[in-house]
PDB file of N, CA and C in Angstrom:
ATOM      1  N   ILE A   1    -104.679  42.781 -66.992  1.00  0.00           N
ATOM      2  CA  ILE A   1    -106.082  42.574 -67.047  1.00  0.00           C
ATOM      3  C   ILE A   1    -106.270  41.199 -66.623  1.00  0.00           C
ATOM      4  N   GLY A   2    -107.321  40.924 -65.824  1.00  0.00           N
ATOM      5  CA  GLY A   2    -107.661  39.588 -65.324  1.00  0.00           C
ATOM      6  C   GLY A   2    -107.303  39.442 -63.890  1.00  0.00           C
ATOM      7  N   THR A   3    -107.967  38.518 -63.323  1.00  0.00           N
ATOM      8  CA  THR A   3    -107.714  38.246 -61.857  1.00  0.00           C
ATOM      9  C   THR A   3    -107.711  36.685 -61.710  1.00  0.00           C
ATOM     10  N   PRO A   4    -106.681  36.169 -61.100  1.00  0.00           N
ATOM     11  CA  PRO A   4    -105.380  36.795 -60.901  1.00  0.00           C
ATOM     12  C   PRO A   4    -104.665  37.155 -62.231  1.00  0.00           C
ATOM     13  N   ALA A   5    -103.659  38.096 -62.059  1.00  0.00           N
ATOM     14  CA  ALA A   5    -103.071  38.586 -63.184  1.00  0.00           C
ATOM     15  C   ALA A   5    -102.068  37.502 -63.879  1.00  0.00           C
ATOM     16  N   MET A   6    -101.592  37.816 -65.059  1.00  0.00           N
ATOM     17  CA  MET A   6    -100.683  36.913 -65.866  1.00  0.00           C
ATOM     18  C   MET A   6     -99.499  36.697 -65.060  1.00  0.00           C
ATOM     19  N   ASN A   7     -98.978  35.374 -64.983  1.00  0.00           N
ATOM     20  CA  ASN A   7     -97.754  35.101 -64.410  1.00  0.00           C
ATOM     21  C   ASN A   7     -96.623  35.660 -65.405  1.00  0.00           C
ATOM     22  N   LEU A   8     -95.666  36.405 -64.859  1.00  0.00           N
ATOM     23  CA  LEU A   8     -94.435  36.821 -65.723  1.00  0.00           C
ATOM     24  C   LEU A   8     -93.220  36.347 -64.906  1.00  0.00           C
ATOM     25  N   PHE A   9     -92.289  35.669 -65.687  1.00  0.00           N
ATOM     26  CA  PHE A   9     -91.208  35.132 -65.126  1.00  0.00           C
ATOM     27  C   PHE A   9     -89.982  35.133 -66.158  1.00  0.00           C
ATOM     28  N   PRO A  10     -88.822  35.079 -65.735  1.00  0.00           N
ATOM     29  CA  PRO A  10     -87.664  34.940 -66.696  1.00  0.00           C
ATOM     30  C   PRO A  10     -87.709  33.628 -67.354  1.00  0.00           C
ATOM     31  N   LEU A  11     -87.613  33.632 -68.665  1.00  0.00           N
ATOM     32  CA  LEU A  11     -87.814  32.358 -69.432  1.00  0.00           C
ATOM     33  C   LEU A  11     -86.805  31.303 -68.903  1.00  0.00           C
ATOM     34  N   GLU A  12     -85.512  31.727 -68.554  1.00  0.00           N
ATOM     35  CA  GLU A  12     -84.540  30.801 -68.252  1.00  0.00           C
ATOM     36  C   GLU A  12     -84.910  30.094 -66.865  1.00  0.00           C
ATOM     37  N   SER A  13     -85.800  30.574 -66.078  1.00  0.00           N
ATOM     38  CA  SER A  13     -86.213  29.930 -64.764  1.00  0.00           C
ATOM     39  C   SER A  13     -86.925  28.656 -64.986  1.00  0.00           C
ATOM     40  N   ILE A  14     -87.450  28.445 -66.201  1.00  0.00           N
ATOM     41  CA  ILE A  14     -88.167  27.103 -66.460  1.00  0.00           C
ATOM     42  C   ILE A  14     -87.560  26.389 -67.593  1.00  0.00           C
ATOM     43  N   LYS A  15     -86.761  27.096 -68.405  1.00  0.00           N
ATOM     44  CA  LYS A  15     -86.110  26.449 -69.622  1.00  0.00           C
ATOM     45  C   LYS A  15     -84.607  26.771 -69.616  1.00  0.00           C
ATOM     46  N   PRO A  16     -83.794  26.026 -68.768  1.00  0.00           N
ATOM     47  CA  PRO A  16     -82.433  26.400 -68.752  1.00  0.00           C
ATOM     48  C   PRO A  16     -81.767  26.451 -70.152  1.00  0.00           C
ATOM     49  N   GLY A  17     -80.885  27.474 -70.293  1.00  0.00           N
ATOM     50  CA  GLY A  17     -80.211  27.562 -71.580  1.00  0.00           C
ATOM     51  C   GLY A  17     -80.899  28.405 -72.642  1.00  0.00           C
ATOM     52  N   SER A  18     -82.089  28.864 -72.344  1.00  0.00           N
ATOM     53  CA  SER A  18     -82.887  29.660 -73.326  1.00  0.00           C
ATOM     54  C   SER A  18     -82.323  31.076 -73.416  1.00  0.00           C
ATOM     55  N   ALA A  19     -82.764  31.740 -74.316  1.00  0.00           N
ATOM     56  CA  ALA A  19     -82.210  33.158 -74.618  1.00  0.00           C
ATOM     57  C   ALA A  19     -82.348  34.074 -73.373  1.00  0.00           C
ATOM     58  N   ALA A  20     -81.286  34.592 -72.916  1.00  0.00           N
ATOM     59  CA  ALA A  20     -81.339  35.561 -71.721  1.00  0.00           C
ATOM     60  C   ALA A  20     -82.119  36.812 -72.009  1.00  0.00           C
ATOM     61  N   GLY A  21     -82.712  37.388 -71.014  1.00  0.00           N
ATOM     62  CA  GLY A  21     -83.405  38.615 -71.264  1.00  0.00           C
ATOM     63  C   GLY A  21     -84.835  38.520 -71.654  1.00  0.00           C
ATOM     64  N   LEU A  22     -85.327  37.326 -71.952  1.00  0.00           N
ATOM     65  CA  LEU A  22     -86.716  37.160 -72.376  1.00  0.00           C
ATOM     66  C   LEU A  22     -87.604  36.908 -71.205  1.00  0.00           C
ATOM     67  N   THR A  23     -88.745  37.259 -71.255  1.00  0.00           N
ATOM     68  CA  THR A  23     -89.748  37.081 -70.165  1.00  0.00           C
ATOM     69  C   THR A  23     -90.920  36.257 -70.763  1.00  0.00           C
ATOM     70  N   ALA A  24     -91.404  35.164 -69.994  1.00  0.00           N
ATOM     71  CA  ALA A  24     -92.453  34.449 -70.353  1.00  0.00           C
ATOM     72  C   ALA A  24     -93.710  34.887 -69.594  1.00  0.00           C
ATOM     73  N   GLY A  25     -94.789  34.802 -70.204  1.00  0.00           N
ATOM     74  CA  GLY A  25     -96.113  35.078 -69.520  1.00  0.00           C
ATOM     75  C   GLY A  25     -97.151  34.035 -69.826  1.00  0.00           C
ATOM     76  N   ILE A  26     -97.775  33.602 -68.739  1.00  0.00           N
ATOM     77  CA  ILE A  26     -98.890  32.507 -68.869  1.00  0.00           C
ATOM     78  C   ILE A  26     -99.888  32.941 -67.887  1.00  0.00           C
ATOM     79  N   ARG A  27    -101.271  32.835 -68.292  1.00  0.00           N
ATOM     80  CA  ARG A  27    -102.364  33.065 -67.428  1.00  0.00           C
ATOM     81  C   ARG A  27    -102.566  31.955 -66.449  1.00  0.00           C
ATOM     82  N   PRO A  28    -102.872  32.165 -65.223  1.00  0.00           N
ATOM     83  CA  PRO A  28    -103.145  31.073 -64.273  1.00  0.00           C
ATOM     84  C   PRO A  28    -104.112  30.002 -64.625  1.00  0.00           C
ATOM     85  N   GLU A  29    -105.116  30.368 -65.426  1.00  0.00           N
ATOM     86  CA  GLU A  29    -106.062  29.492 -65.904  1.00  0.00           C
ATOM     87  C   GLU A  29    -105.536  28.526 -66.956  1.00  0.00           C
ATOM     88  N   HIS A  30    -104.363  28.828 -67.453  1.00  0.00           N
ATOM     89  CA  HIS A  30    -103.824  27.976 -68.503  1.00  0.00           C
ATOM     90  C   HIS A  30    -102.779  27.022 -67.911  1.00  0.00           C
ATOM     91  N   ILE A  31    -102.508  27.087 -66.650  1.00  0.00           N
ATOM     92  CA  ILE A  31    -101.597  26.098 -66.119  1.00  0.00           C
ATOM     93  C   ILE A  31    -102.443  25.126 -65.340  1.00  0.00           C
ATOM     94  N   ARG A  32    -101.909  23.815 -65.417  1.00  0.00           N
ATOM     95  CA  ARG A  32    -102.700  22.755 -64.773  1.00  0.00           C
ATOM     96  C   ARG A  32    -101.743  21.984 -63.878  1.00  0.00           C
ATOM     97  N   ILE A  33    -102.216  21.423 -62.806  1.00  0.00           N
ATOM     98  CA  ILE A  33    -101.457  20.472 -62.050  1.00  0.00           C
ATOM     99  C   ILE A  33    -101.559  19.190 -62.875  1.00  0.00           C
ATOM    100  N   ALA A  34    -100.311  18.576 -63.168  1.00  0.00           N
ATOM    101  CA  ALA A  34    -100.249  17.536 -64.079  1.00  0.00           C
ATOM    102  C   ALA A  34     -99.374  16.406 -63.519  1.00  0.00           C
ATOM    103  N   ALA A  35     -99.374  15.231 -64.122  1.00  0.00           N
ATOM    104  CA  ALA A  35     -98.648  14.110 -63.826  1.00  0.00           C
ATOM    105  C   ALA A  35     -97.095  14.260 -64.171  1.00  0.00           C
ATOM    106  N   ASP A  36     -96.921  14.960 -65.243  1.00  0.00           N
ATOM    107  CA  ASP A  36     -95.525  15.393 -65.669  1.00  0.00           C
ATOM    108  C   ASP A  36     -95.605  16.902 -65.974  1.00  0.00           C
ATOM    109  N   GLY A  37     -94.350  17.456 -65.824  1.00  0.00           N
ATOM    110  CA  GLY A  37     -94.174  18.959 -66.251  1.00  0.00           C
ATOM    111  C   GLY A  37     -93.177  19.458 -65.337  1.00  0.00           C
ATOM    112  N   VAL A  38     -93.186  20.739 -65.084  1.00  0.00           N
ATOM    113  CA  VAL A  38     -92.203  21.505 -64.269  1.00  0.00           C
ATOM    114  C   VAL A  38     -92.439  21.174 -62.804  1.00  0.00           C
ATOM    115  N   LEU A  39     -91.399  20.865 -62.109  1.00  0.00           N
ATOM    116  CA  LEU A  39     -91.482  20.586 -60.654  1.00  0.00           C
ATOM    117  C   LEU A  39     -91.710  21.949 -59.921  1.00  0.00           C
ATOM    118  N   ALA A  40     -92.675  21.897 -58.932  1.00  0.00           N
ATOM    119  CA  ALA A  40     -93.010  23.186 -58.269  1.00  0.00           C
ATOM    120  C   ALA A  40     -93.346  22.811 -56.810  1.00  0.00           C
ATOM    121  N   THR A  41     -93.086  23.733 -55.960  1.00  0.00           N
ATOM    122  CA  THR A  41     -93.329  23.594 -54.494  1.00  0.00           C
ATOM    123  C   THR A  41     -94.571  24.587 -54.221  1.00  0.00           C
ATOM    124  N   VAL A  42     -95.551  24.048 -53.645  1.00  0.00           N
ATOM    125  CA  VAL A  42     -96.760  24.873 -53.175  1.00  0.00           C
ATOM    126  C   VAL A  42     -96.420  25.737 -52.053  1.00  0.00           C
ATOM    127  N   THR A  43     -96.723  27.012 -52.074  1.00  0.00           N
ATOM    128  CA  THR A  43     -96.619  27.857 -50.996  1.00  0.00           C
ATOM    129  C   THR A  43     -97.934  28.242 -50.342  1.00  0.00           C
ATOM    130  N   SER A  44     -99.089  28.129 -51.189  1.00  0.00           N
ATOM    131  CA  SER A  44    -100.374  28.351 -50.574  1.00  0.00           C
ATOM    132  C   SER A  44    -101.461  27.836 -51.613  1.00  0.00           C
ATOM    133  N   ALA A  45    -102.626  27.542 -50.953  1.00  0.00           N
ATOM    134  CA  ALA A  45    -103.746  27.176 -51.912  1.00  0.00           C
ATOM    135  C   ALA A  45    -105.014  27.685 -51.210  1.00  0.00           C
ATOM    136  N   GLU A  46    -105.761  28.737 -51.963  1.00  0.00           N
ATOM    137  CA  GLU A  46    -106.878  29.390 -51.438  1.00  0.00           C
ATOM    138  C   GLU A  46    -108.142  28.911 -52.255  1.00  0.00           C
ATOM    139  N   TYR A  47    -109.081  28.345 -51.576  1.00  0.00           N
ATOM    140  CA  TYR A  47    -110.396  27.915 -52.286  1.00  0.00           C
ATOM    141  C   TYR A  47    -111.154  29.182 -52.390  1.00  0.00           C
ATOM    142  N   HIS A  48    -111.720  29.381 -53.619  1.00  0.00           N
ATOM    143  CA  HIS A  48    -112.583  30.551 -53.911  1.00  0.00           C
ATOM    144  C   HIS A  48    -113.962  30.238 -54.296  1.00  0.00           C
ATOM    145  N   GLY A  49    -114.378  29.066 -53.984  1.00  0.00           N
ATOM    146  CA  GLY A  49    -115.761  28.560 -54.353  1.00  0.00           C
ATOM    147  C   GLY A  49    -115.744  27.892 -55.701  1.00  0.00           C
ATOM    148  N   ALA A  50    -115.476  28.401 -56.821  1.00  0.00           N
ATOM    149  CA  ALA A  50    -115.537  27.792 -58.126  1.00  0.00           C
ATOM    150  C   ALA A  50    -114.214  27.173 -58.426  1.00  0.00           C
ATOM    151  N   ASP A  51    -113.075  27.691 -57.773  1.00  0.00           N
ATOM    152  CA  ASP A  51    -111.814  27.235 -58.164  1.00  0.00           C
ATOM    153  C   ASP A  51    -110.905  27.489 -56.947  1.00  0.00           C
ATOM    154  N   THR A  52    -109.578  27.022 -56.962  1.00  0.00           N
ATOM    155  CA  THR A  52    -108.594  27.171 -56.045  1.00  0.00           C
ATOM    156  C   THR A  52    -107.429  27.827 -56.629  1.00  0.00           C
ATOM    157  N   ILE A  53    -106.947  28.935 -56.084  1.00  0.00           N
ATOM    158  CA  ILE A  53    -105.731  29.583 -56.498  1.00  0.00           C
ATOM    159  C   ILE A  53    -104.618  29.057 -55.724  1.00  0.00           C
ATOM    160  N   VAL A  54    -103.824  28.373 -56.576  1.00  0.00           N
ATOM    161  CA  VAL A  54    -102.518  27.746 -55.940  1.00  0.00           C
ATOM    162  C   VAL A  54    -101.376  28.672 -56.278  1.00  0.00           C
ATOM    163  N   THR A  55    -100.548  28.994 -55.205  1.00  0.00           N
ATOM    164  CA  THR A  55     -99.259  29.701 -55.523  1.00  0.00           C
ATOM    165  C   THR A  55     -98.134  28.715 -55.301  1.00  0.00           C
ATOM    166  N   ALA A  56     -97.190  28.583 -56.302  1.00  0.00           N
ATOM    167  CA  ALA A  56     -96.158  27.588 -56.230  1.00  0.00           C
ATOM    168  C   ALA A  56     -94.843  28.240 -56.746  1.00  0.00           C
ATOM    169  N   GLN A  57     -93.724  27.809 -56.201  1.00  0.00           N
ATOM    170  CA  GLN A  57     -92.400  28.249 -56.476  1.00  0.00           C
ATOM    171  C   GLN A  57     -91.819  27.362 -57.577  1.00  0.00           C
ATOM    172  N   VAL A  58     -91.276  27.979 -58.642  1.00  0.00           N
ATOM    173  CA  VAL A  58     -90.467  27.217 -59.586  1.00  0.00           C
ATOM    174  C   VAL A  58     -89.186  27.866 -59.817  1.00  0.00           C
ATOM    175  N   ASN A  59     -88.202  27.292 -59.441  1.00  0.00           N
ATOM    176  CA  ASN A  59     -86.744  27.913 -59.568  1.00  0.00           C
ATOM    177  C   ASN A  59     -86.682  29.340 -59.204  1.00  0.00           C
ATOM    178  N   GLY A  60     -87.286  29.726 -58.016  1.00  0.00           N
ATOM    179  CA  GLY A  60     -87.252  31.048 -57.584  1.00  0.00           C
ATOM    180  C   GLY A  60     -88.273  31.998 -58.112  1.00  0.00           C
ATOM    181  N   SER A  61     -89.082  31.499 -59.028  1.00  0.00           N
ATOM    182  CA  SER A  61     -90.229  32.370 -59.516  1.00  0.00           C
ATOM    183  C   SER A  61     -91.510  31.855 -58.961  1.00  0.00           C
ATOM    184  N   SER A  62     -92.418  32.813 -58.532  1.00  0.00           N
ATOM    185  CA  SER A  62     -93.796  32.371 -58.062  1.00  0.00           C
ATOM    186  C   SER A  62     -94.729  32.404 -59.140  1.00  0.00           C
ATOM    187  N   LEU A  63     -95.486  31.120 -59.224  1.00  0.00           N
ATOM    188  CA  LEU A  63     -96.566  31.133 -60.222  1.00  0.00           C
ATOM    189  C   LEU A  63     -97.968  30.893 -59.602  1.00  0.00           C
ATOM    190  N   LEU A  64     -98.975  31.607 -60.130  1.00  0.00           N
ATOM    191  CA  LEU A  64    -100.281  31.350 -59.679  1.00  0.00           C
ATOM    192  C   LEU A  64    -100.957  30.368 -60.652  1.00  0.00           C
ATOM    193  N   VAL A  65    -101.699  29.424 -60.061  1.00  0.00           N
ATOM    194  CA  VAL A  65    -102.434  28.423 -60.750  1.00  0.00           C
ATOM    195  C   VAL A  65    -103.916  28.452 -60.469  1.00  0.00           C
ATOM    196  N   ARG A  66    -104.785  28.697 -61.389  1.00  0.00           N
ATOM    197  CA  ARG A  66    -106.213  28.687 -61.174  1.00  0.00           C
ATOM    198  C   ARG A  66    -106.682  27.138 -61.516  1.00  0.00           C
ATOM    199  N   ALA A  67    -106.876  26.427 -60.431  1.00  0.00           N
ATOM    200  CA  ALA A  67    -107.304  25.010 -60.572  1.00  0.00           C
ATOM    201  C   ALA A  67    -108.736  24.893 -60.312  1.00  0.00           C
ATOM    202  N   PRO A  68    -109.550  24.162 -61.199  1.00  0.00           N
ATOM    203  CA  PRO A  68    -111.029  24.107 -61.004  1.00  0.00           C
ATOM    204  C   PRO A  68    -111.353  23.298 -59.797  1.00  0.00           C
ATOM    205  N   GLY A  69    -112.466  23.826 -59.112  1.00  0.00           N
ATOM    206  CA  GLY A  69    -112.913  23.069 -57.859  1.00  0.00           C
ATOM    207  C   GLY A  69    -112.039  23.370 -56.631  1.00  0.00           C
ATOM    208  N   GLN A  70    -112.217  22.479 -55.627  1.00  0.00           N
ATOM    209  CA  GLN A  70    -111.477  22.638 -54.411  1.00  0.00           C
ATOM    210  C   GLN A  70    -110.289  21.669 -54.587  1.00  0.00           C
ATOM    211  N   VAL A  71    -109.041  22.152 -54.431  1.00  0.00           N
ATOM    212  CA  VAL A  71    -107.906  21.424 -54.416  1.00  0.00           C
ATOM    213  C   VAL A  71    -107.138  21.497 -53.094  1.00  0.00           C
ATOM    214  N   ASP A  72    -106.988  20.361 -52.447  1.00  0.00           N
ATOM    215  CA  ASP A  72    -106.383  20.365 -51.154  1.00  0.00           C
ATOM    216  C   ASP A  72    -104.883  20.114 -51.209  1.00  0.00           C
ATOM    217  N   LEU A  73    -104.113  21.111 -51.084  1.00  0.00           N
ATOM    218  CA  LEU A  73    -102.652  21.050 -51.213  1.00  0.00           C
ATOM    219  C   LEU A  73    -102.074  21.882 -50.054  1.00  0.00           C
ATOM    220  N   ALA A  74    -101.236  21.171 -49.285  1.00  0.00           N
ATOM    221  CA  ALA A  74    -100.616  21.953 -48.185  1.00  0.00           C
ATOM    222  C   ALA A  74     -99.291  22.603 -48.666  1.00  0.00           C
ATOM    223  N   ALA A  75     -98.981  23.671 -47.942  1.00  0.00           N
ATOM    224  CA  ALA A  75     -97.716  24.348 -48.179  1.00  0.00           C
ATOM    225  C   ALA A  75     -96.612  23.359 -47.997  1.00  0.00           C
ATOM    226  N   GLY A  76     -95.711  23.452 -48.992  1.00  0.00           N
ATOM    227  CA  GLY A  76     -94.584  22.459 -49.033  1.00  0.00           C
ATOM    228  C   GLY A  76     -94.765  21.319 -49.987  1.00  0.00           C
ATOM    229  N   SER A  77     -95.962  21.040 -50.295  1.00  0.00           N
ATOM    230  CA  SER A  77     -96.344  19.906 -51.230  1.00  0.00           C
ATOM    231  C   SER A  77     -95.611  20.170 -52.501  1.00  0.00           C
ATOM    232  N   GLN A  78     -95.104  19.102 -53.157  1.00  0.00           N
ATOM    233  CA  GLN A  78     -94.483  19.044 -54.488  1.00  0.00           C
ATOM    234  C   GLN A  78     -95.502  18.698 -55.455  1.00  0.00           C
ATOM    235  N   VAL A  79     -95.567  19.539 -56.501  1.00  0.00           N
ATOM    236  CA  VAL A  79     -96.489  19.167 -57.684  1.00  0.00           C
ATOM    237  C   VAL A  79     -95.811  19.346 -59.093  1.00  0.00           C
ATOM    238  N   ARG A  80     -96.380  18.971 -60.042  1.00  0.00           N
ATOM    239  CA  ARG A  80     -95.776  19.202 -61.419  1.00  0.00           C
ATOM    240  C   ARG A  80     -96.958  20.073 -61.997  1.00  0.00           C
ATOM    241  N   LEU A  81     -96.307  21.044 -62.797  1.00  0.00           N
ATOM    242  CA  LEU A  81     -97.216  22.023 -63.480  1.00  0.00           C
ATOM    243  C   LEU A  81     -97.043  21.858 -65.050  1.00  0.00           C
ATOM    244  N   GLY A  82     -98.149  21.984 -65.761  1.00  0.00           N
ATOM    245  CA  GLY A  82     -98.017  21.806 -67.176  1.00  0.00           C
ATOM    246  C   GLY A  82     -98.932  22.832 -67.877  1.00  0.00           C
ATOM    247  N   TRP A  83     -98.660  23.119 -69.180  1.00  0.00           N
ATOM    248  CA  TRP A  83     -99.419  23.966 -70.087  1.00  0.00           C
ATOM    249  C   TRP A  83     -99.172  23.674 -71.432  1.00  0.00           C
ATOM    250  N   GLU A  84     -99.941  24.108 -72.317  1.00  0.00           N
ATOM    251  CA  GLU A  84     -99.774  24.006 -73.668  1.00  0.00           C
ATOM    252  C   GLU A  84     -98.876  25.015 -74.158  1.00  0.00           C
ATOM    253  N   PRO A  85     -97.860  24.793 -75.092  1.00  0.00           N
ATOM    254  CA  PRO A  85     -96.920  25.658 -75.538  1.00  0.00           C
ATOM    255  C   PRO A  85     -97.499  26.923 -76.127  1.00  0.00           C
ATOM    256  N   ALA A  86     -98.660  26.824 -76.751  1.00  0.00           N
ATOM    257  CA  ALA A  86     -99.299  28.020 -77.349  1.00  0.00           C
ATOM    258  C   ALA A  86     -99.787  28.990 -76.274  1.00  0.00           C
ATOM    259  N   ALA A  87     -99.966  28.565 -75.100  1.00  0.00           N
ATOM    260  CA  ALA A  87    -100.441  29.391 -74.006  1.00  0.00           C
ATOM    261  C   ALA A  87     -99.412  30.364 -73.447  1.00  0.00           C
ATOM    262  N   VAL A  88     -98.144  30.139 -73.785  1.00  0.00           N
ATOM    263  CA  VAL A  88     -96.928  30.947 -73.325  1.00  0.00           C
ATOM    264  C   VAL A  88     -96.733  32.127 -74.243  1.00  0.00           C
ATOM    265  N   HIS A  89     -96.710  33.304 -73.681  1.00  0.00           N
ATOM    266  CA  HIS A  89     -96.389  34.550 -74.389  1.00  0.00           C
ATOM    267  C   HIS A  89     -94.994  34.953 -74.109  1.00  0.00           C
ATOM    268  N   ILE A  90     -94.202  35.256 -75.072  1.00  0.00           N
ATOM    269  CA  ILE A  90     -92.849  35.620 -74.852  1.00  0.00           C
ATOM    270  C   ILE A  90     -92.684  37.214 -75.050  1.00  0.00           C
ATOM    271  N   PHE A  91     -91.967  37.849 -74.194  1.00  0.00           N
ATOM    272  CA  PHE A  91     -91.773  39.257 -74.177  1.00  0.00           C
ATOM    273  C   PHE A  91     -90.236  39.546 -74.201  1.00  0.00           C
ATOM    274  N   ALA A  92     -89.951  40.552 -75.008  1.00  0.00           N
ATOM    275  CA  ALA A  92     -88.473  41.009 -75.106  1.00  0.00           C
ATOM    276  C   ALA A  92     -88.223  41.847 -73.977  1.00  0.00           C
ATOM    277  N   SER A  93     -86.908  42.231 -73.619  1.00  0.00           N
ATOM    278  CA  SER A  93     -86.575  43.037 -72.482  1.00  0.00           C
ATOM    279  C   SER A  93     -87.255  44.489 -72.506  1.00  0.00           C
ATOM    280  N   ASP A  94     -87.714  44.887 -73.726  1.00  0.00           N
ATOM    281  CA  ASP A  94     -88.245  46.171 -73.845  1.00  0.00           C
ATOM    282  C   ASP A  94     -89.787  46.138 -73.625  1.00  0.00           C
ATOM    283  N   GLY A  95     -90.295  44.926 -73.337  1.00  0.00           N
ATOM    284  CA  GLY A  95     -91.709  44.717 -72.999  1.00  0.00           C
ATOM    285  C   GLY A  95     -92.568  44.352 -74.191  1.00  0.00           C
ATOM    286  N   ARG A  96     -91.962  44.415 -75.369  1.00  0.00           N
ATOM    287  CA  ARG A  96     -92.721  44.055 -76.610  1.00  0.00           C
ATOM    288  C   ARG A  96     -92.914  42.627 -76.688  1.00  0.00           C
ATOM    289  N   ARG A  97     -93.982  42.101 -77.178  1.00  0.00           N
ATOM    290  CA  ARG A  97     -94.135  40.709 -77.415  1.00  0.00           C
ATOM    291  C   ARG A  97     -93.324  40.165 -78.512  1.00  0.00           C
ATOM    292  N   SER A  98     -92.575  39.040 -78.298  1.00  0.00           N
ATOM    293  CA  SER A  98     -91.765  38.525 -79.353  1.00  0.00           C
ATOM    294  C   SER A  98     -92.496  37.553 -80.280  1.00  0.00           C
TER     295      SER A  98
END
């Protein structure tokens, strides 16, 4: 539910050493481009009028970021992504929320 859909990625892709088999989920509107955070490479940025949908790669996982307003980022740009810990949902390998 929601557009764009929730980002789902292996937890170890952003937190080395974390429990294997867990999947993290975070909604694009809960991720922000920040001064510090997880290093990411922009693959695209599409302006949609009220916001920009930025697609970025983090350790082989693709994340969508809903940034407010028009954000001018070229493919290949390096950015840092941040979010509040409470915005992350953890799912077990069977799909149940942990």
